[in-house]
C-alpha atoms as a PDB file:
ATOM      1  CA  MET A   1       0.205   0.294  -0.121  1.00  0.00           C
ATOM      2  CA  ILE A   2       2.881   2.629   1.089  1.00  0.00           C
ATOM      3  CA  LYS A   3       4.696   1.878  -2.358  1.00  0.00           C
ATOM      4  CA  ASP A   4       1.441   2.459  -4.103  1.00  0.00           C
ATOM      5  CA  GLU A   5       0.502   5.748  -2.686  1.00  0.00           C
ATOM      6  CA  ILE A   6       4.273   6.485  -3.020  1.00  0.00           C
ATOM      7  CA  LYS A   7       3.953   5.317  -6.936  1.00  0.00           C
ATOM      8  CA  GLU A   8       1.139   8.026  -6.992  1.00  0.00           C
ATOM      9  CA  ASN A   9       2.171  10.508  -5.658  1.00  0.00           C
ATOM     10  CA  LYS A  10       5.696  10.818  -7.913  1.00  0.00           C
ATOM     11  CA  ARG A  11       4.829  13.205 -10.044  1.00  0.00           C
ATOM     12  CA  VAL A  12       3.860  15.884  -6.855  1.00  0.00           C
ATOM     13  CA  VAL A  13       7.058  18.195  -6.220  1.00  0.00           C
ATOM     14  CA  LYS A  14       8.742  17.578  -3.373  1.00  0.00           C
ATOM     15  CA  ASN A  15      10.122  20.963  -2.776  1.00  0.00           C
ATOM     16  CA  LYS A  16       8.338  22.916   0.105  1.00  0.00           C
ATOM     17  CA  LYS A  17       4.656  23.836  -0.927  1.00  0.00           C
ATOM     18  CA  PRO A  18       4.754  27.724  -1.900  1.00  0.00           C
ATOM     19  CA  THR A  19       2.645  30.078   0.925  1.00  0.00           C
ATOM     20  CA  ARG A  20      -0.742  31.248  -0.652  1.00  0.00           C
ATOM     21  CA  GLU A  21       1.063  34.414   0.082  1.00  0.00           C
ATOM     22  CA  GLU A  22       4.006  33.797  -2.550  1.00  0.00           C
ATOM     23  CA  ALA A  23       1.199  32.315  -4.919  1.00  0.00           C
ATOM     24  CA  MET A  24      -0.496  35.519  -4.974  1.00  0.00           C
ATOM     25  CA  GLN A  25       2.320  37.383  -6.034  1.00  0.00           C
ATOM     26  CA  ALA A  26       3.110  34.936  -8.844  1.00  0.00           C
ATOM     27  CA  VAL A  27      -0.449  35.772 -10.045  1.00  0.00           C
ATOM     28  CA  ARG A  28       0.474  39.596  -9.539  1.00  0.00           C
ATOM     29  CA  THR A  29       3.259  39.065 -11.773  1.00  0.00           C
ATOM     30  CA  MET A  30       1.772  36.946 -14.578  1.00  0.00           C
ATOM     31  CA  LEU A  31      -1.149  40.175 -14.837  1.00  0.00           C
ATOM     32  CA  ALA A  32       1.822  42.898 -15.028  1.00  0.00           C
ATOM     33  CA  TRP A  33       3.615  40.515 -17.842  1.00  0.00           C
ATOM     34  CA  ALA A  34       0.524  40.119 -19.689  1.00  0.00           C
ATOM     35  CA  GLY A  35       0.607  44.155 -19.933  1.00  0.00           C
ATOM     36  CA  ASP A  36      -1.748  45.052 -17.244  1.00  0.00           C
ATOM     37  CA  ASN A  37      -1.705  46.530 -14.403  1.00  0.00           C
ATOM     38  CA  PRO A  38      -2.283  44.197 -11.258  1.00  0.00           C
ATOM     39  CA  ASP A  39      -2.980  47.558  -8.602  1.00  0.00           C
ATOM     40  CA  ARG A  40      -6.153  48.971 -10.799  1.00  0.00           C
ATOM     41  CA  GLU A  41      -9.870  48.318  -9.028  1.00  0.00           C
ATOM     42  CA  GLY A  42     -10.561  45.335 -11.211  1.00  0.00           C
ATOM     43  CA  LEU A  43      -7.714  42.968 -10.328  1.00  0.00           C
ATOM     44  CA  LEU A  44      -6.860  44.133  -7.168  1.00  0.00           C
ATOM     45  CA  GLU A  45      -8.688  40.550  -5.592  1.00  0.00           C
ATOM     46  CA  THR A  46      -7.507  38.894  -8.885  1.00  0.00           C
ATOM     47  CA  PRO A  47      -4.685  37.311  -7.251  1.00  0.00           C
ATOM     48  CA  LEU A  48      -6.709  35.759  -4.413  1.00  0.00           C
ATOM     49  CA  ARG A  49      -9.992  34.699  -6.590  1.00  0.00           C
ATOM     50  CA  VAL A  50      -6.738  32.989  -8.779  1.00  0.00           C
ATOM     51  CA  VAL A  51      -6.136  31.169  -5.484  1.00  0.00           C
ATOM     52  CA  LYS A  52      -8.818  30.035  -4.514  1.00  0.00           C
ATOM     53  CA  ALA A  53      -9.746  28.729  -7.904  1.00  0.00           C
ATOM     54  CA  TYR A  54      -6.421  26.668  -8.314  1.00  0.00           C
ATOM     55  CA  GLU A  55      -7.354  24.836  -4.754  1.00  0.00           C
ATOM     56  CA  GLU A  56     -10.351  23.986  -6.327  1.00  0.00           C
ATOM     57  CA  PHE A  57      -8.942  22.956  -9.438  1.00  0.00           C
ATOM     58  CA  PHE A  58      -6.315  21.005  -8.557  1.00  0.00           C
ATOM     59  CA  ALA A  59      -7.823  19.215  -5.105  1.00  0.00           C
ATOM     60  CA  GLY A  60      -7.203  16.201  -6.610  1.00  0.00           C
ATOM     61  CA  TYR A  61      -3.583  16.534  -5.323  1.00  0.00           C
ATOM     62  CA  LYS A  62      -4.947  16.424  -1.616  1.00  0.00           C
ATOM     63  CA  GLU A  63      -7.162  12.824  -2.062  1.00  0.00           C
ATOM     64  CA  ASN A  64      -6.398   9.371  -2.066  1.00  0.00           C
ATOM     65  CA  SER A  65      -8.049   7.082  -4.523  1.00  0.00           C
ATOM     66  CA  ASP A  66      -7.442   3.897  -2.523  1.00  0.00           C
ATOM     67  CA  ALA A  67      -8.997   5.471   1.067  1.00  0.00           C
ATOM     68  CA  ILE A  68     -11.741   6.064  -1.508  1.00  0.00           C
ATOM     69  CA  LEU A  69     -12.381   2.771  -2.480  1.00  0.00           C
ATOM     70  CA  ASN A  70     -11.278   1.008   0.551  1.00  0.00           C
ATOM     71  CA  LYS A  71     -14.730   1.098   1.602  1.00  0.00           C
ATOM     72  CA  THR A  72     -16.758  -1.967   0.434  1.00  0.00           C
ATOM     73  CA  PHE A  73     -19.645  -4.369   0.425  1.00  0.00           C
ATOM     74  CA  GLU A  74     -19.911  -7.964   0.498  1.00  0.00           C
ATOM     75  CA  GLU A  75     -23.702  -8.239   0.758  1.00  0.00           C
ATOM     76  CA  VAL A  76     -24.642  -8.290  -3.033  1.00  0.00           C
ATOM     77  CA  ALA A  77     -26.640 -11.078  -3.425  1.00  0.00           C
ATOM     78  CA  GLY A  78     -23.776 -12.800  -5.414  1.00  0.00           C
ATOM     79  CA  TYR A  79     -24.488  -9.964  -8.139  1.00  0.00           C
ATOM     80  CA  ASP A  80     -21.289 -10.624 -10.221  1.00  0.00           C
ATOM     81  CA  GLU A  81     -22.559  -8.755 -13.581  1.00  0.00           C
ATOM     82  CA  MET A  82     -20.649  -5.570 -15.434  1.00  0.00           C
ATOM     83  CA  VAL A  83     -21.318  -2.440 -12.827  1.00  0.00           C
ATOM     84  CA  ILE A  84     -21.188   0.956 -15.325  1.00  0.00           C
ATOM     85  CA  ILE A  85     -21.260   4.976 -13.969  1.00  0.00           C
ATOM     86  CA  LYS A  86     -21.938   6.887 -17.169  1.00  0.00           C
ATOM     87  CA  ASN A  87     -21.568  10.193 -18.653  1.00  0.00           C
ATOM     88  CA  VAL A  88     -19.430  11.101 -15.058  1.00  0.00           C
ATOM     89  CA  ARG A  89     -18.727  15.139 -15.743  1.00  0.00           C
ATOM     90  CA  LEU A  90     -14.757  15.491 -15.900  1.00  0.00           C
ATOM     91  CA  GLU A  91     -12.888  18.681 -15.185  1.00  0.00           C
ATOM     92  CA  SER A  92      -9.590  18.721 -15.829  1.00  0.00           C
ATOM     93  CA  HIS A  93      -6.451  21.030 -16.878  1.00  0.00           C
ATOM     94  CA  CYS A  94      -3.924  20.095 -19.373  1.00  0.00           C
ATOM     95  CA  GLU A  95      -0.271  19.990 -17.820  1.00  0.00           C
ATOM     96  CA  HIS A  96       1.177  21.536 -21.109  1.00  0.00           C
ATOM     97  CA  HIS A  97      -0.727  24.556 -21.211  1.00  0.00           C
ATOM     98  CA  MET A  98      -2.066  24.687 -17.727  1.00  0.00           C
ATOM     99  CA  VAL A  99      -6.049  25.173 -19.369  1.00  0.00           C
ATOM    100  CA  PRO A 100      -9.018  23.144 -18.887  1.00  0.00           C
ATOM    101  CA  ILE A 101      -9.790  19.478 -20.163  1.00  0.00           C
ATOM    102  CA  LEU A 102     -13.782  18.895 -20.361  1.00  0.00           C
ATOM    103  CA  GLY A 103     -15.707  15.744 -20.664  1.00  0.00           C
ATOM    104  CA  LYS A 104     -16.993  12.158 -19.456  1.00  0.00           C
ATOM    105  CA  ALA A 105     -15.539   9.692 -18.092  1.00  0.00           C
ATOM    106  CA  HIS A 106     -17.155   6.493 -18.458  1.00  0.00           C
ATOM    107  CA  VAL A 107     -15.914   3.456 -15.495  1.00  0.00           C
ATOM    108  CA  ALA A 108     -17.187  -0.392 -15.905  1.00  0.00           C
ATOM    109  CA  TYR A 109     -15.922  -2.934 -13.471  1.00  0.00           C
ATOM    110  CA  ILE A 110     -17.028  -6.580 -12.611  1.00  0.00           C
ATOM    111  CA  PRO A 111     -16.793  -7.356  -9.123  1.00  0.00           C
ATOM    112  CA  ASN A 112     -15.079 -10.299  -7.638  1.00  0.00           C
ATOM    113  CA  LYS A 113     -16.908 -10.670  -4.642  1.00  0.00           C
ATOM    114  CA  ARG A 114     -16.722  -7.072  -3.575  1.00  0.00           C
ATOM    115  CA  VAL A 115     -18.661  -3.960  -4.762  1.00  0.00           C
ATOM    116  CA  VAL A 116     -18.258   0.015  -3.862  1.00  0.00           C
ATOM    117  CA  GLY A 117     -20.481   2.489  -4.089  1.00  0.00           C
ATOM    118  CA  ILE A 118     -21.088   4.242  -7.306  1.00  0.00           C
ATOM    119  CA  SER A 119     -20.437   7.714  -6.212  1.00  0.00           C
ATOM    120  CA  LYS A 120     -16.991   6.234  -4.826  1.00  0.00           C
ATOM    121  CA  LEU A 121     -16.402   5.812  -8.806  1.00  0.00           C
ATOM    122  CA  ALA A 122     -17.205   9.049  -9.279  1.00  0.00           C
ATOM    123  CA  ARG A 123     -15.160  10.556  -6.725  1.00  0.00           C
ATOM    124  CA  VAL A 124     -11.607   8.318  -8.054  1.00  0.00           C
ATOM    125  CA  VAL A 125     -12.357  10.191 -11.853  1.00  0.00           C
ATOM    126  CA  ASP A 126     -12.511  13.432  -9.710  1.00  0.00           C
ATOM    127  CA  VAL A 127      -9.509  12.687  -7.770  1.00  0.00           C
ATOM    128  CA  TYR A 128      -6.847  12.426 -10.922  1.00  0.00           C
ATOM    129  CA  ALA A 129      -8.993  14.996 -13.232  1.00  0.00           C
ATOM    130  CA  LYS A 130      -8.511  17.305 -10.232  1.00  0.00           C
ATOM    131  CA  ARG A 131      -4.169  17.331 -11.066  1.00  0.00           C
ATOM    132  CA  LEU A 132      -2.240  18.748 -13.868  1.00  0.00           C
ATOM    133  CA  GLN A 133      -2.692  16.066 -16.293  1.00  0.00           C
ATOM    134  CA  THR A 134      -2.520  14.662 -20.142  1.00  0.00           C
ATOM    135  CA  GLN A 135      -6.102  12.555 -20.890  1.00  0.00           C
ATOM    136  CA  GLU A 136      -3.910   9.214 -21.610  1.00  0.00           C
ATOM    137  CA  THR A 137      -2.262   9.433 -18.245  1.00  0.00           C
ATOM    138  CA  MET A 138      -5.266   9.818 -16.335  1.00  0.00           C
ATOM    139  CA  THR A 139      -7.622   7.571 -18.084  1.00  0.00           C
ATOM    140  CA  ALA A 140      -4.443   4.833 -17.126  1.00  0.00           C
ATOM    141  CA  GLN A 141      -4.859   5.956 -13.487  1.00  0.00           C
ATOM    142  CA  ILE A 142      -8.936   5.553 -12.847  1.00  0.00           C
ATOM    143  CA  ALA A 143      -8.726   2.172 -14.339  1.00  0.00           C
ATOM    144  CA  GLU A 144      -5.489   0.765 -12.334  1.00  0.00           C
ATOM    145  CA  SER A 145      -6.251   2.888  -9.387  1.00  0.00           C
ATOM    146  CA  ILE A 146     -10.021   0.454  -9.450  1.00  0.00           C
ATOM    147  CA  GLN A 147      -7.716  -2.838 -10.030  1.00  0.00           C
ATOM    148  CA  ARG A 148      -5.933  -2.351  -8.066  1.00  0.00           C
ATOM    149  CA  VAL A 149      -8.091  -1.889  -4.923  1.00  0.00           C
ATOM    150  CA  LEU A 150     -10.947  -3.494  -5.831  1.00  0.00           C
ATOM    151  CA  GLN A 151      -9.339  -6.314  -7.652  1.00  0.00           C
ATOM    152  CA  PRO A 152     -12.247  -7.183  -9.509  1.00  0.00           C
ATOM    153  CA  LYS A 153     -12.243  -9.871 -12.725  1.00  0.00           C
ATOM    154  CA  GLY A 154     -11.769  -6.331 -14.878  1.00  0.00           C
ATOM    155  CA  VAL A 155     -12.058  -2.801 -15.479  1.00  0.00           C
ATOM    156  CA  GLY A 156     -12.969  -0.269 -18.294  1.00  0.00           C
ATOM    157  CA  VAL A 157     -12.359   3.143 -18.572  1.00  0.00           C
ATOM    158  CA  VAL A 158     -13.301   5.179 -21.288  1.00  0.00           C
ATOM    159  CA  ILE A 159     -12.993   9.555 -21.178  1.00  0.00           C
ATOM    160  CA  ASP A 160     -14.008  11.563 -23.893  1.00  0.00           C
ATOM    161  CA  ALA A 161     -13.138  15.266 -23.875  1.00  0.00           C
ATOM    162  CA  GLY A 162     -12.284  18.454 -25.643  1.00  0.00           C
ATOM    163  CA  HIS A 163      -9.330  19.976 -24.781  1.00  0.00           C
ATOM    164  CA  GLN A 164      -9.266  23.717 -24.830  1.00  0.00           C
ATOM    165  CA  CYS A 165      -5.356  23.836 -25.747  1.00  0.00           C
ATOM    166  CA  MET A 166      -6.966  22.857 -28.722  1.00  0.00           C
ATOM    167  CA  THR A 167      -9.770  24.821 -29.227  1.00  0.00           C
ATOM    168  CA  THR A 168      -9.064  28.117 -27.775  1.00  0.00           C
ATOM    169  CA  ARG A 169      -5.179  28.048 -28.947  1.00  0.00           C
ATOM    170  CA  GLY A 170      -2.894  26.574 -31.843  1.00  0.00           C
ATOM    171  CA  VAL A 171      -4.913  24.708 -34.262  1.00  0.00           C
ATOM    172  CA  HIS A 172      -8.383  26.391 -33.163  1.00  0.00           C
ATOM    173  CA  LYS A 173     -10.763  23.361 -33.326  1.00  0.00           C
ATOM    174  CA  PRO A 174     -12.969  23.899 -31.188  1.00  0.00           C
ATOM    175  CA  THR A 175     -15.314  20.939 -32.163  1.00  0.00           C
ATOM    176  CA  ALA A 176     -12.459  18.530 -31.672  1.00  0.00           C
ATOM    177  CA  THR A 177     -12.511  15.781 -28.985  1.00  0.00           C
ATOM    178  CA  THR A 178     -10.314  12.811 -27.769  1.00  0.00           C
ATOM    179  CA  ILE A 179     -11.354   9.882 -26.776  1.00  0.00           C
ATOM    180  CA  THR A 180      -8.970   7.041 -24.784  1.00  0.00           C
ATOM    181  CA  SER A 181      -9.857   4.058 -23.055  1.00  0.00           C
ATOM    182  CA  GLN A 182      -8.009   1.580 -20.716  1.00  0.00           C
ATOM    183  CA  MET A 183      -8.981  -2.068 -20.388  1.00  0.00           C
ATOM    184  CA  LEU A 184      -7.888  -4.352 -17.487  1.00  0.00           C
ATOM    185  CA  GLY A 185      -8.873  -7.897 -16.736  1.00  0.00           C
ATOM    186  CA  VAL A 186     -11.670  -9.568 -18.600  1.00  0.00           C
ATOM    187  CA  PHE A 187     -12.397  -6.257 -20.678  1.00  0.00           C
ATOM    188  CA  ARG A 188      -8.716  -6.561 -22.021  1.00  0.00           C
ATOM    189  CA  THR A 189      -8.991 -10.345 -22.599  1.00  0.00           C
ATOM    190  CA  ASP A 190     -12.689 -11.017 -23.693  1.00  0.00           C
ATOM    191  CA  TYR A 191     -13.970  -9.067 -26.405  1.00  0.00           C
ATOM    192  CA  ARG A 192     -17.066  -9.681 -25.627  1.00  0.00           C
ATOM    193  CA  THR A 193     -17.387  -8.153 -22.569  1.00  0.00           C
ATOM    194  CA  ARG A 194     -15.463  -5.297 -24.095  1.00  0.00           C
ATOM    195  CA  SER A 195     -17.981  -5.199 -26.700  1.00  0.00           C
ATOM    196  CA  GLU A 196     -20.917  -5.126 -23.886  1.00  0.00           C
ATOM    197  CA  PHE A 197     -19.557  -2.345 -22.250  1.00  0.00           C
ATOM    198  CA  MET A 198     -18.879  -0.128 -25.794  1.00  0.00           C
ATOM    199  CA  ASN A 199     -22.357  -0.871 -26.721  1.00  0.00           C
ATOM    200  CA  LEU A 200     -23.752  -0.025 -23.339  1.00  0.00           C
ATOM    201  CA  ILE A 201     -22.223   3.221 -22.991  1.00  0.00           C
ATOM    202  CA  ASN A 202     -22.701   4.701 -26.962  1.00  0.00           C
ATOM    203  CA  ASN A 203     -26.705   3.708 -26.469  1.00  0.00           C
END
């Protein structure tokens, strides 16, 4: 468990975390660099607002997916079919440009004696989404976390999201979305299971 937590948090900076005041000063610097006056009336409280927003945007760094998934239920009357949660709203930020990634996640697993509350699956999505991310990494992290803790027969995760680094800058393709998937266990080895999952989330 300790090794898993170290692996999960290995991307987090090991240096001392800056204070809120230091973060606010950094925002003031960026405002001035952009060409505006951070001391004008409309921008006076912007540094504080930005810091508060970042605390919400990146709350996933303070969360541990293993702890969220550890509370499971065994009294499920022998249920061993696929469990799917569809259309989970996803809000993340591109680690290359720090602009939003907005979309939805579909998560499925096949229990192996234990099930978890469905809200916990949505929370796991948030744990990894609320960090600086690439969509590929986030997709793998969500699936591997569920597989590691619940040890189900298999896990499937599909994410469909738009990247504002593509829509508001660069190539400016506002209708483009990116789809990534990670299939583990029977979702990877049994095409019928994988097909059932894909059909259910697409209908």
